[in-house]
Amino acid sequence: MSNKKIENIINKLSLDKNHAIAYLFKNAKLKNQGLLANKVFSIKDNYADCNVECKGSSIFLENFKPQYKSTVIKLLEEAGATCVARTNLDEFGMGGSGEYSAYGLIKNPLNDQYLVGGSSSGAAASFIDDIDFAIGSDTGDSVRKPASNIGVIGFKPSYGAISRYGLFSYASSLDTVAYFCHNVNDLIKISSILYQKDKENDMTSIDLSFEYQQIKKNKPKKIAYLNCFDKLNPSITNSYKKFLEKLNQDGIELVEIKEEEKLLNSIDVIYKIISYSEASSNLANLTGVSFGKRNEGRDW
């Protein structure tokens, strides 16, 4: 496959006026070997990479160039994929709208009167058809929400399935490598590459590795679903039920889960308590808020 594909992508992304692109790899070349050969991806600007600015959409990290490569980038490149761009985000991944990048508001590419969602806002806003997949990160719903806003697949793997080494920490017990895809086939391929234990760098990673071909042979026989129809828009409820009917027709057993409303209503509160406290700790090295001797201000 010609590198014309890369040139076309670079040309399109160079026209970005939506503050979605943090950096373009203008000299990128396609690779023709590996499970992800000739695949092109973008990556959220909160993953470390060697000798390129990695700012997390924050002025705090302007001109910061790590001397190491995140495990995710390393594995994808070894599998034959080519990174063409780093994408902006809500600063350090803290935000759900695309309004909080230090480099400008990121709008919905389908209708600029709407927000694209975040925090992986730049990844979603620049996810054109020519880009095969886009790596984001998902702490609360930072990939899944913008994916739903632009009509593509957004996938958050189970915590620990993929190494977080090189991902800038927001809330360490919740942060997860996640991605946007155009189809489920690519999603499975990417997962088969990234799902592996990182013994050297990430003690929270676990071994959930699998072979890509095995997934096609062994479809699930039982799937659980959350009964929350009373909380959904009627049109979404209808689509959801049609999907469940299709699964049932395919011979898959469906298991309904109905949680107490009190428990569901507590999720957002608990999420904020955990994520905000962990963010305060993880970002203390940048803000300096928690360091040094403290005195009362003289002019207060």
C-alpha atoms as a PDB file:
ATOM      1  CA  MET A   1       0.000   0.000   0.000  1.00  0.00           C
ATOM      2  CA  SER A   2       1.313   3.426  -0.950  1.00  0.00           C
ATOM      3  CA  ASN A   3       2.249   6.097   1.571  1.00  0.00           C
ATOM      4  CA  LYS A   4      -0.330   8.197  -0.289  1.00  0.00           C
ATOM      5  CA  LYS A   5      -2.696   7.206   2.522  1.00  0.00           C
ATOM      6  CA  ILE A   6      -0.453   8.938   5.073  1.00  0.00           C
ATOM      7  CA  GLU A   7      -0.071  12.016   2.864  1.00  0.00           C
ATOM      8  CA  ASN A   8      -3.849  12.348   2.499  1.00  0.00           C
ATOM      9  CA  ILE A   9      -4.357  12.070   6.247  1.00  0.00           C
ATOM     10  CA  ILE A  10      -1.636  14.618   7.025  1.00  0.00           C
ATOM     11  CA  ASN A  11      -3.089  17.035   4.471  1.00  0.00           C
ATOM     12  CA  LYS A  12      -6.564  16.746   6.003  1.00  0.00           C
ATOM     13  CA  LEU A  13      -5.371  17.080   9.594  1.00  0.00           C
ATOM     14  CA  SER A  14      -3.174  20.058   8.660  1.00  0.00           C
ATOM     15  CA  LEU A  15      -6.382  21.972   7.947  1.00  0.00           C
ATOM     16  CA  ASP A  16      -7.582  21.507  11.542  1.00  0.00           C
ATOM     17  CA  LYS A  17      -9.213  24.666  12.885  1.00  0.00           C
ATOM     18  CA  ASN A  18     -10.913  22.844  15.759  1.00  0.00           C
ATOM     19  CA  HIS A  19      -7.898  22.755  18.119  1.00  0.00           C
ATOM     20  CA  ALA A  20      -7.968  18.950  17.901  1.00  0.00           C
ATOM     21  CA  ILE A  21      -4.377  18.330  16.796  1.00  0.00           C
ATOM     22  CA  ALA A  22      -1.440  18.737  19.175  1.00  0.00           C
ATOM     23  CA  TYR A  23       1.280  17.417  16.845  1.00  0.00           C
ATOM     24  CA  LEU A  24       1.521  15.887  13.356  1.00  0.00           C
ATOM     25  CA  PHE A  25       4.113  13.265  12.397  1.00  0.00           C
ATOM     26  CA  LYS A  26       4.628  14.610   8.889  1.00  0.00           C
ATOM     27  CA  ASN A  27       7.369  12.109   8.050  1.00  0.00           C
ATOM     28  CA  ALA A  28       5.384   9.033   9.097  1.00  0.00           C
ATOM     29  CA  LYS A  29       5.588   5.987   6.808  1.00  0.00           C
ATOM     30  CA  LEU A  30       3.323   2.964   6.495  1.00  0.00           C
ATOM     31  CA  LYS A  31       4.655  -0.441   7.552  1.00  0.00           C
ATOM     32  CA  ASN A  32       3.767  -3.575   5.614  1.00  0.00           C
ATOM     33  CA  GLN A  33       4.340  -6.272   8.237  1.00  0.00           C
ATOM     34  CA  GLY A  34       2.493  -7.261  11.390  1.00  0.00           C
ATOM     35  CA  LEU A  35      -1.134  -7.786  12.419  1.00  0.00           C
ATOM     36  CA  LEU A  36      -1.682  -4.016  12.187  1.00  0.00           C
ATOM     37  CA  ALA A  37       0.282  -3.517   8.955  1.00  0.00           C
ATOM     38  CA  ASN A  38      -0.857  -0.448   6.978  1.00  0.00           C
ATOM     39  CA  LYS A  39      -3.027   0.668   9.904  1.00  0.00           C
ATOM     40  CA  VAL A  40      -2.852   4.335  10.885  1.00  0.00           C
ATOM     41  CA  PHE A  41      -3.727   5.750  14.292  1.00  0.00           C
ATOM     42  CA  SER A  42      -3.675   8.900  16.390  1.00  0.00           C
ATOM     43  CA  ILE A  43      -2.861   9.042  20.081  1.00  0.00           C
ATOM     44  CA  LYS A  44      -4.077  11.294  22.863  1.00  0.00           C
ATOM     45  CA  ASP A  45      -1.450  13.778  24.032  1.00  0.00           C
ATOM     46  CA  ASN A  46      -1.256  12.268  27.517  1.00  0.00           C
ATOM     47  CA  TYR A  47       0.902   9.303  26.475  1.00  0.00           C
ATOM     48  CA  ALA A  48       4.678   9.568  26.724  1.00  0.00           C
ATOM     49  CA  ASP A  49       6.727   9.191  23.561  1.00  0.00           C
ATOM     50  CA  CYS A  50      10.422   9.721  22.920  1.00  0.00           C
ATOM     51  CA  ASN A  51      11.689  13.123  21.795  1.00  0.00           C
ATOM     52  CA  VAL A  52       8.336  14.685  20.943  1.00  0.00           C
ATOM     53  CA  GLU A  53       6.371  17.252  22.952  1.00  0.00           C
ATOM     54  CA  CYS A  54       3.867  15.510  25.240  1.00  0.00           C
ATOM     55  CA  LYS A  55       1.869  18.261  26.907  1.00  0.00           C
ATOM     56  CA  GLY A  56      -1.379  16.708  28.081  1.00  0.00           C
ATOM     57  CA  SER A  57      -2.998  19.879  26.655  1.00  0.00           C
ATOM     58  CA  SER A  58      -1.467  21.852  29.521  1.00  0.00           C
ATOM     59  CA  ILE A  59       0.890  24.826  29.535  1.00  0.00           C
ATOM     60  CA  PHE A  60       2.507  23.205  32.596  1.00  0.00           C
ATOM     61  CA  LEU A  61       4.158  20.680  30.256  1.00  0.00           C
ATOM     62  CA  GLU A  62       4.983  22.981  27.360  1.00  0.00           C
ATOM     63  CA  ASN A  63       8.241  21.789  25.727  1.00  0.00           C
ATOM     64  CA  PHE A  64       8.257  18.594  27.833  1.00  0.00           C
ATOM     65  CA  LYS A  65       9.837  15.742  25.867  1.00  0.00           C
ATOM     66  CA  PRO A  66       9.922  12.363  27.660  1.00  0.00           C
ATOM     67  CA  GLN A  67      12.931  10.106  27.236  1.00  0.00           C
ATOM     68  CA  TYR A  68      10.848   6.944  27.134  1.00  0.00           C
ATOM     69  CA  LYS A  69       7.986   5.449  25.136  1.00  0.00           C
ATOM     70  CA  SER A  70       4.675   4.308  26.639  1.00  0.00           C
ATOM     71  CA  THR A  71       3.968   0.582  26.436  1.00  0.00           C
ATOM     72  CA  VAL A  72       0.869   1.153  24.288  1.00  0.00           C
ATOM     73  CA  ILE A  73       2.763   3.037  21.568  1.00  0.00           C
ATOM     74  CA  LYS A  74       5.586   0.492  21.644  1.00  0.00           C
ATOM     75  CA  LEU A  75       3.239  -2.479  21.178  1.00  0.00           C
ATOM     76  CA  LEU A  76       1.217  -0.842  18.401  1.00  0.00           C
ATOM     77  CA  GLU A  77       4.324   0.148  16.448  1.00  0.00           C
ATOM     78  CA  GLU A  78       5.811  -3.339  16.846  1.00  0.00           C
ATOM     79  CA  ALA A  79       2.557  -4.748  15.404  1.00  0.00           C
ATOM     80  CA  GLY A  80       2.944  -2.604  12.268  1.00  0.00           C
ATOM     81  CA  ALA A  81       0.716   0.394  13.042  1.00  0.00           C
ATOM     82  CA  THR A  82       1.803   3.961  12.239  1.00  0.00           C
ATOM     83  CA  CYS A  83       1.034   6.984  14.416  1.00  0.00           C
ATOM     84  CA  VAL A  84       0.222  10.151  12.448  1.00  0.00           C
ATOM     85  CA  ALA A  85      -0.905  12.585  15.142  1.00  0.00           C
ATOM     86  CA  ARG A  86      -1.087  13.464  18.810  1.00  0.00           C
ATOM     87  CA  THR A  87      -4.475  14.855  19.792  1.00  0.00           C
ATOM     88  CA  ASN A  88      -5.572  17.468  22.318  1.00  0.00           C
ATOM     89  CA  LEU A  89      -7.792  16.754  25.305  1.00  0.00           C
ATOM     90  CA  ASP A  90      -9.386  18.302  28.343  1.00  0.00           C
ATOM     91  CA  GLU A  91      -6.277  19.249  30.334  1.00  0.00           C
ATOM     92  CA  PHE A  92      -4.673  16.134  31.883  1.00  0.00           C
ATOM     93  CA  GLY A  93      -7.858  14.212  31.051  1.00  0.00           C
ATOM     94  CA  MET A  94      -9.939  16.178  33.556  1.00  0.00           C
ATOM     95  CA  GLY A  95     -13.164  17.159  31.830  1.00  0.00           C
ATOM     96  CA  GLY A  96     -15.981  15.619  29.868  1.00  0.00           C
ATOM     97  CA  SER A  97     -16.782  18.188  27.210  1.00  0.00           C
ATOM     98  CA  GLY A  98     -13.760  19.307  25.168  1.00  0.00           C
ATOM     99  CA  GLU A  99     -13.882  22.793  26.690  1.00  0.00           C
ATOM    100  CA  TYR A 100     -10.838  22.537  28.944  1.00  0.00           C
ATOM    101  CA  SER A 101      -7.762  22.163  26.741  1.00  0.00           C
ATOM    102  CA  ALA A 102      -5.229  24.952  27.216  1.00  0.00           C
ATOM    103  CA  TYR A 103      -5.077  25.158  23.420  1.00  0.00           C
ATOM    104  CA  GLY A 104      -8.708  25.913  22.659  1.00  0.00           C
ATOM    105  CA  LEU A 105     -12.280  24.643  22.612  1.00  0.00           C
ATOM    106  CA  ILE A 106     -12.834  21.430  20.648  1.00  0.00           C
ATOM    107  CA  LYS A 107     -16.261  21.228  18.991  1.00  0.00           C
ATOM    108  CA  ASN A 108     -18.239  18.378  17.504  1.00  0.00           C
ATOM    109  CA  PRO A 109     -17.013  17.802  13.905  1.00  0.00           C
ATOM    110  CA  LEU A 110     -20.535  16.837  12.793  1.00  0.00           C
ATOM    111  CA  ASN A 111     -22.121  20.067  14.047  1.00  0.00           C
ATOM    112  CA  ASP A 112     -20.041  22.878  15.522  1.00  0.00           C
ATOM    113  CA  GLN A 113     -23.017  24.081  17.549  1.00  0.00           C
ATOM    114  CA  TYR A 114     -22.501  21.045  19.794  1.00  0.00           C
ATOM    115  CA  LEU A 115     -19.685  19.791  22.012  1.00  0.00           C
ATOM    116  CA  VAL A 116     -17.797  16.665  21.024  1.00  0.00           C
ATOM    117  CA  GLY A 117     -17.398  15.459  24.617  1.00  0.00           C
ATOM    118  CA  GLY A 118     -14.244  14.558  26.452  1.00  0.00           C
ATOM    119  CA  SER A 119     -11.775  14.185  27.760  1.00  0.00           C
ATOM    120  CA  SER A 120     -10.552  12.435  24.579  1.00  0.00           C
ATOM    121  CA  SER A 121     -12.066  15.285  22.588  1.00  0.00           C
ATOM    122  CA  GLY A 122      -9.298  15.813  20.033  1.00  0.00           C
ATOM    123  CA  ALA A 123      -9.134  12.087  19.284  1.00  0.00           C
ATOM    124  CA  ALA A 124     -12.862  12.065  18.527  1.00  0.00           C
ATOM    125  CA  ALA A 125     -12.930  15.357  16.610  1.00  0.00           C
ATOM    126  CA  SER A 126     -10.086  14.267  14.300  1.00  0.00           C
ATOM    127  CA  PHE A 127     -11.227  10.656  13.821  1.00  0.00           C
ATOM    128  CA  ILE A 128     -11.698  10.786  10.065  1.00  0.00           C
ATOM    129  CA  ASP A 129     -12.449   7.706   7.939  1.00  0.00           C
ATOM    130  CA  ASP A 130      -8.823   7.368   6.797  1.00  0.00           C
ATOM    131  CA  ILE A 131      -7.576   6.915  10.377  1.00  0.00           C
ATOM    132  CA  ASP A 132      -8.104   3.285  11.381  1.00  0.00           C
ATOM    133  CA  PHE A 133      -8.265   3.831  15.136  1.00  0.00           C
ATOM    134  CA  ALA A 134      -7.569   6.484  17.751  1.00  0.00           C
ATOM    135  CA  ILE A 135      -6.077   5.828  21.169  1.00  0.00           C
ATOM    136  CA  GLY A 136      -7.616   7.801  24.016  1.00  0.00           C
ATOM    137  CA  SER A 137      -7.867   7.218  27.747  1.00  0.00           C
ATOM    138  CA  ASP A 138     -11.010   6.595  29.770  1.00  0.00           C
ATOM    139  CA  THR A 139     -11.300   7.315  33.486  1.00  0.00           C
ATOM    140  CA  GLY A 140     -15.046   7.977  33.733  1.00  0.00           C
ATOM    141  CA  ASP A 141     -16.360   7.956  30.164  1.00  0.00           C
ATOM    142  CA  SER A 142     -13.655   9.895  28.329  1.00  0.00           C
ATOM    143  CA  VAL A 143     -13.726   7.720  25.203  1.00  0.00           C
ATOM    144  CA  ARG A 144     -17.203   6.213  25.331  1.00  0.00           C
ATOM    145  CA  LYS A 145     -19.039   9.538  25.595  1.00  0.00           C
ATOM    146  CA  PRO A 146     -17.339  11.340  22.671  1.00  0.00           C
ATOM    147  CA  ALA A 147     -17.612   8.135  20.619  1.00  0.00           C
ATOM    148  CA  SER A 148     -21.383   8.151  21.099  1.00  0.00           C
ATOM    149  CA  ASN A 149     -21.483  11.838  20.150  1.00  0.00           C
ATOM    150  CA  ILE A 150     -19.855  11.206  16.764  1.00  0.00           C
ATOM    151  CA  GLY A 151     -21.369   7.781  16.015  1.00  0.00           C
ATOM    152  CA  VAL A 152     -18.338   5.482  16.227  1.00  0.00           C
ATOM    153  CA  ILE A 153     -17.254   2.623  18.493  1.00  0.00           C
ATOM    154  CA  GLY A 154     -15.712   3.643  21.813  1.00  0.00           C
ATOM    155  CA  PHE A 155     -14.232   0.856  23.939  1.00  0.00           C
ATOM    156  CA  LYS A 156     -12.960   0.915  27.518  1.00  0.00           C
ATOM    157  CA  PRO A 157     -11.214  -2.378  28.397  1.00  0.00           C
ATOM    158  CA  SER A 158     -11.314  -3.810  31.902  1.00  0.00           C
ATOM    159  CA  TYR A 159      -8.939  -2.116  34.342  1.00  0.00           C
ATOM    160  CA  GLY A 160      -5.564  -3.848  34.223  1.00  0.00           C
ATOM    161  CA  ALA A 161      -6.066  -5.483  30.831  1.00  0.00           C
ATOM    162  CA  ILE A 162      -3.651  -3.009  29.193  1.00  0.00           C
ATOM    163  CA  SER A 163      -0.487  -1.498  30.646  1.00  0.00           C
ATOM    164  CA  ARG A 164      -0.794   2.129  31.781  1.00  0.00           C
ATOM    165  CA  TYR A 165       2.965   2.683  31.630  1.00  0.00           C
ATOM    166  CA  GLY A 166       3.536   6.062  29.986  1.00  0.00           C
ATOM    167  CA  LEU A 167      -0.060   7.265  30.420  1.00  0.00           C
ATOM    168  CA  PHE A 168      -0.080  10.500  32.426  1.00  0.00           C
ATOM    169  CA  SER A 169      -1.937   9.774  35.655  1.00  0.00           C
ATOM    170  CA  TYR A 170      -5.220  11.473  36.491  1.00  0.00           C
ATOM    171  CA  ALA A 171      -6.901   8.935  38.805  1.00  0.00           C
ATOM    172  CA  SER A 172      -4.609   5.912  38.945  1.00  0.00           C
ATOM    173  CA  SER A 173      -7.199   3.425  40.194  1.00  0.00           C
ATOM    174  CA  LEU A 174      -9.614   4.339  37.382  1.00  0.00           C
ATOM    175  CA  ASP A 175      -7.437   5.388  34.403  1.00  0.00           C
ATOM    176  CA  THR A 176      -7.696   2.980  31.472  1.00  0.00           C
ATOM    177  CA  VAL A 177      -6.219   2.858  27.984  1.00  0.00           C
ATOM    178  CA  ALA A 178      -9.198   3.037  25.604  1.00  0.00           C
ATOM    179  CA  TYR A 179      -9.821   3.492  21.888  1.00  0.00           C
ATOM    180  CA  PHE A 180     -12.080   4.635  19.066  1.00  0.00           C
ATOM    181  CA  CYS A 181     -12.672   2.272  16.122  1.00  0.00           C
ATOM    182  CA  HIS A 182     -14.773   2.228  12.972  1.00  0.00           C
ATOM    183  CA  ASN A 183     -15.551  -1.495  13.268  1.00  0.00           C
ATOM    184  CA  VAL A 184     -15.459  -4.330  15.797  1.00  0.00           C
ATOM    185  CA  ASN A 185     -12.941  -6.330  13.753  1.00  0.00           C
ATOM    186  CA  ASP A 186     -10.275  -3.647  14.234  1.00  0.00           C
ATOM    187  CA  LEU A 187     -11.221  -3.379  17.908  1.00  0.00           C
ATOM    188  CA  ILE A 188     -10.498  -7.088  18.406  1.00  0.00           C
ATOM    189  CA  LYS A 189      -7.185  -6.843  16.535  1.00  0.00           C
ATOM    190  CA  ILE A 190      -6.029  -3.903  18.651  1.00  0.00           C
ATOM    191  CA  SER A 191      -7.078  -5.643  21.863  1.00  0.00           C
ATOM    192  CA  SER A 192      -5.200  -8.816  20.911  1.00  0.00           C
ATOM    193  CA  ILE A 193      -2.042  -6.701  20.602  1.00  0.00           C
ATOM    194  CA  LEU A 194      -2.482  -4.602  23.751  1.00  0.00           C
ATOM    195  CA  TYR A 195      -3.948  -7.181  26.144  1.00  0.00           C
ATOM    196  CA  GLN A 196      -0.817  -8.458  27.851  1.00  0.00           C
ATOM    197  CA  LYS A 197       0.830  -8.265  31.240  1.00  0.00           C
ATOM    198  CA  ASP A 198       3.548  -5.615  31.538  1.00  0.00           C
ATOM    199  CA  LYS A 199       5.825  -7.343  34.044  1.00  0.00           C
ATOM    200  CA  GLU A 200       8.538  -4.697  33.927  1.00  0.00           C
ATOM    201  CA  ASN A 201       6.598  -1.446  34.171  1.00  0.00           C
ATOM    202  CA  ASP A 202       3.027  -1.800  35.473  1.00  0.00           C
ATOM    203  CA  MET A 203       2.192  -3.880  38.529  1.00  0.00           C
ATOM    204  CA  THR A 204      -1.545  -3.257  38.027  1.00  0.00           C
ATOM    205  CA  SER A 205      -1.586  -4.997  34.641  1.00  0.00           C
ATOM    206  CA  ILE A 206      -2.899  -8.556  34.476  1.00  0.00           C
ATOM    207  CA  ASP A 207      -2.635 -11.300  31.878  1.00  0.00           C
ATOM    208  CA  LEU A 208      -5.787 -11.345  29.738  1.00  0.00           C
ATOM    209  CA  SER A 209      -3.959 -12.080  26.488  1.00  0.00           C
ATOM    210  CA  PHE A 210      -5.752 -13.873  23.656  1.00  0.00           C
ATOM    211  CA  GLU A 211      -5.246 -14.805  20.017  1.00  0.00           C
ATOM    212  CA  TYR A 212      -7.116 -12.703  17.463  1.00  0.00           C
ATOM    213  CA  GLN A 213      -8.280 -15.740  15.478  1.00  0.00           C
ATOM    214  CA  GLN A 214      -9.709 -17.480  18.564  1.00  0.00           C
ATOM    215  CA  ILE A 215     -12.273 -14.722  19.128  1.00  0.00           C
ATOM    216  CA  LYS A 216     -13.860 -15.402  15.752  1.00  0.00           C
ATOM    217  CA  LYS A 217     -14.174 -19.105  16.555  1.00  0.00           C
ATOM    218  CA  ASN A 218     -15.539 -18.761  20.079  1.00  0.00           C
ATOM    219  CA  LYS A 219     -18.456 -16.359  20.300  1.00  0.00           C
ATOM    220  CA  PRO A 220     -19.941 -15.710  23.757  1.00  0.00           C
ATOM    221  CA  LYS A 221     -22.846 -17.938  24.812  1.00  0.00           C
ATOM    222  CA  LYS A 222     -24.107 -15.733  27.622  1.00  0.00           C
ATOM    223  CA  ILE A 223     -24.237 -11.923  27.879  1.00  0.00           C
ATOM    224  CA  ALA A 224     -25.465  -9.794  30.769  1.00  0.00           C
ATOM    225  CA  TYR A 225     -27.236  -6.494  30.165  1.00  0.00           C
ATOM    226  CA  LEU A 226     -28.304  -3.675  32.456  1.00  0.00           C
ATOM    227  CA  ASN A 227     -32.047  -3.028  32.556  1.00  0.00           C
ATOM    228  CA  CYS A 228     -32.187   0.745  32.674  1.00  0.00           C
ATOM    229  CA  PHE A 229     -34.904   1.275  30.061  1.00  0.00           C
ATOM    230  CA  ASP A 230     -36.867   3.611  32.321  1.00  0.00           C
ATOM    231  CA  LYS A 231     -33.910   6.040  32.244  1.00  0.00           C
ATOM    232  CA  LEU A 232     -33.494   6.118  28.462  1.00  0.00           C
ATOM    233  CA  ASN A 233     -34.989   8.100  25.622  1.00  0.00           C
ATOM    234  CA  PRO A 234     -37.740   5.959  23.971  1.00  0.00           C
ATOM    235  CA  SER A 235     -35.915   5.839  20.626  1.00  0.00           C
ATOM    236  CA  ILE A 236     -32.753   4.570  22.337  1.00  0.00           C
ATOM    237  CA  THR A 237     -34.788   2.022  24.292  1.00  0.00           C
ATOM    238  CA  ASN A 238     -36.264   0.675  21.036  1.00  0.00           C
ATOM    239  CA  SER A 239     -32.833   0.346  19.421  1.00  0.00           C
ATOM    240  CA  TYR A 240     -31.447  -1.316  22.547  1.00  0.00           C
ATOM    241  CA  LYS A 241     -34.287  -3.870  22.642  1.00  0.00           C
ATOM    242  CA  LYS A 242     -33.899  -4.656  18.926  1.00  0.00           C
ATOM    243  CA  PHE A 243     -30.215  -5.333  19.524  1.00  0.00           C
ATOM    244  CA  LEU A 244     -31.038  -7.673  22.423  1.00  0.00           C
ATOM    245  CA  GLU A 245     -33.571  -9.495  20.228  1.00  0.00           C
ATOM    246  CA  LYS A 246     -30.907 -10.000  17.562  1.00  0.00           C
ATOM    247  CA  LEU A 247     -28.532 -11.494  20.142  1.00  0.00           C
ATOM    248  CA  ASN A 248     -31.287 -13.807  21.349  1.00  0.00           C
ATOM    249  CA  GLN A 249     -32.010 -14.938  17.779  1.00  0.00           C
ATOM    250  CA  ASP A 250     -28.312 -15.766  17.394  1.00  0.00           C
ATOM    251  CA  GLY A 251     -28.647 -18.241  20.264  1.00  0.00           C
ATOM    252  CA  ILE A 252     -27.026 -16.113  22.955  1.00  0.00           C
ATOM    253  CA  GLU A 253     -28.491 -16.360  26.447  1.00  0.00           C
ATOM    254  CA  LEU A 254     -29.303 -12.928  27.907  1.00  0.00           C
ATOM    255  CA  VAL A 255     -29.034 -12.290  31.641  1.00  0.00           C
ATOM    256  CA  GLU A 256     -30.851  -9.214  32.928  1.00  0.00           C
ATOM    257  CA  ILE A 257     -29.231  -7.155  35.686  1.00  0.00           C
ATOM    258  CA  LYS A 258     -31.456  -4.745  37.570  1.00  0.00           C
ATOM    259  CA  GLU A 259     -29.557  -2.639  40.089  1.00  0.00           C
ATOM    260  CA  GLU A 260     -31.104  -0.603  42.876  1.00  0.00           C
ATOM    261  CA  GLU A 261     -31.638   3.020  41.906  1.00  0.00           C
ATOM    262  CA  LYS A 262     -29.912   4.143  45.100  1.00  0.00           C
ATOM    263  CA  LEU A 263     -26.748   2.328  44.040  1.00  0.00           C
ATOM    264  CA  LEU A 264     -26.832   3.762  40.512  1.00  0.00           C
ATOM    265  CA  ASN A 265     -27.333   7.290  41.837  1.00  0.00           C
ATOM    266  CA  SER A 266     -24.272   6.957  44.058  1.00  0.00           C
ATOM    267  CA  ILE A 267     -21.892   6.132  41.192  1.00  0.00           C
ATOM    268  CA  ASP A 268     -21.250   9.731  40.154  1.00  0.00           C
ATOM    269  CA  VAL A 269     -20.612  10.903  43.725  1.00  0.00           C
ATOM    270  CA  ILE A 270     -18.208   8.060  44.485  1.00  0.00           C
ATOM    271  CA  TYR A 271     -16.423   8.541  41.161  1.00  0.00           C
ATOM    272  CA  LYS A 272     -15.807  12.210  41.928  1.00  0.00           C
ATOM    273  CA  ILE A 273     -14.524  11.525  45.447  1.00  0.00           C
ATOM    274  CA  ILE A 274     -12.019   8.952  44.176  1.00  0.00           C
ATOM    275  CA  SER A 275     -10.922  10.725  40.991  1.00  0.00           C
ATOM    276  CA  TYR A 276     -10.573  14.215  42.464  1.00  0.00           C
ATOM    277  CA  SER A 277      -8.552  13.030  45.455  1.00  0.00           C
ATOM    278  CA  GLU A 278      -6.253  10.918  43.276  1.00  0.00           C
ATOM    279  CA  ALA A 279      -5.841  13.790  40.802  1.00  0.00           C
ATOM    280  CA  SER A 280      -4.780  16.086  43.650  1.00  0.00           C
ATOM    281  CA  SER A 281      -2.084  13.601  44.601  1.00  0.00           C
ATOM    282  CA  ASN A 282      -0.950  12.688  41.078  1.00  0.00           C
ATOM    283  CA  LEU A 283      -0.642  16.287  39.877  1.00  0.00           C
ATOM    284  CA  ALA A 284       1.011  17.640  43.029  1.00  0.00           C
ATOM    285  CA  ASN A 285       4.396  17.395  41.324  1.00  0.00           C
ATOM    286  CA  LEU A 286       3.217  19.958  38.758  1.00  0.00           C
ATOM    287  CA  THR A 287       1.225  22.388  40.897  1.00  0.00           C
ATOM    288  CA  GLY A 288       3.453  22.436  43.971  1.00  0.00           C
ATOM    289  CA  VAL A 289       0.328  22.907  46.114  1.00  0.00           C
ATOM    290  CA  SER A 290       1.298  20.179  48.572  1.00  0.00           C
ATOM    291  CA  PHE A 291       4.992  21.008  48.905  1.00  0.00           C
ATOM    292  CA  GLY A 292       7.054  23.343  51.052  1.00  0.00           C
ATOM    293  CA  LYS A 293       6.761  25.293  54.286  1.00  0.00           C
ATOM    294  CA  ARG A 294       3.451  27.063  54.856  1.00  0.00           C
ATOM    295  CA  ASN A 295       2.859  30.465  56.436  1.00  0.00           C
ATOM    296  CA  GLU A 296      -0.160  32.675  56.808  1.00  0.00           C
ATOM    297  CA  GLY A 297      -0.266  35.382  54.150  1.00  0.00           C
ATOM    298  CA  ARG A 298       0.849  38.800  55.487  1.00  0.00           C
ATOM    299  CA  ASP A 299      -1.746  40.814  53.620  1.00  0.00           C
ATOM    300  CA  TRP A 300      -4.825  38.701  54.378  1.00  0.00           C
END
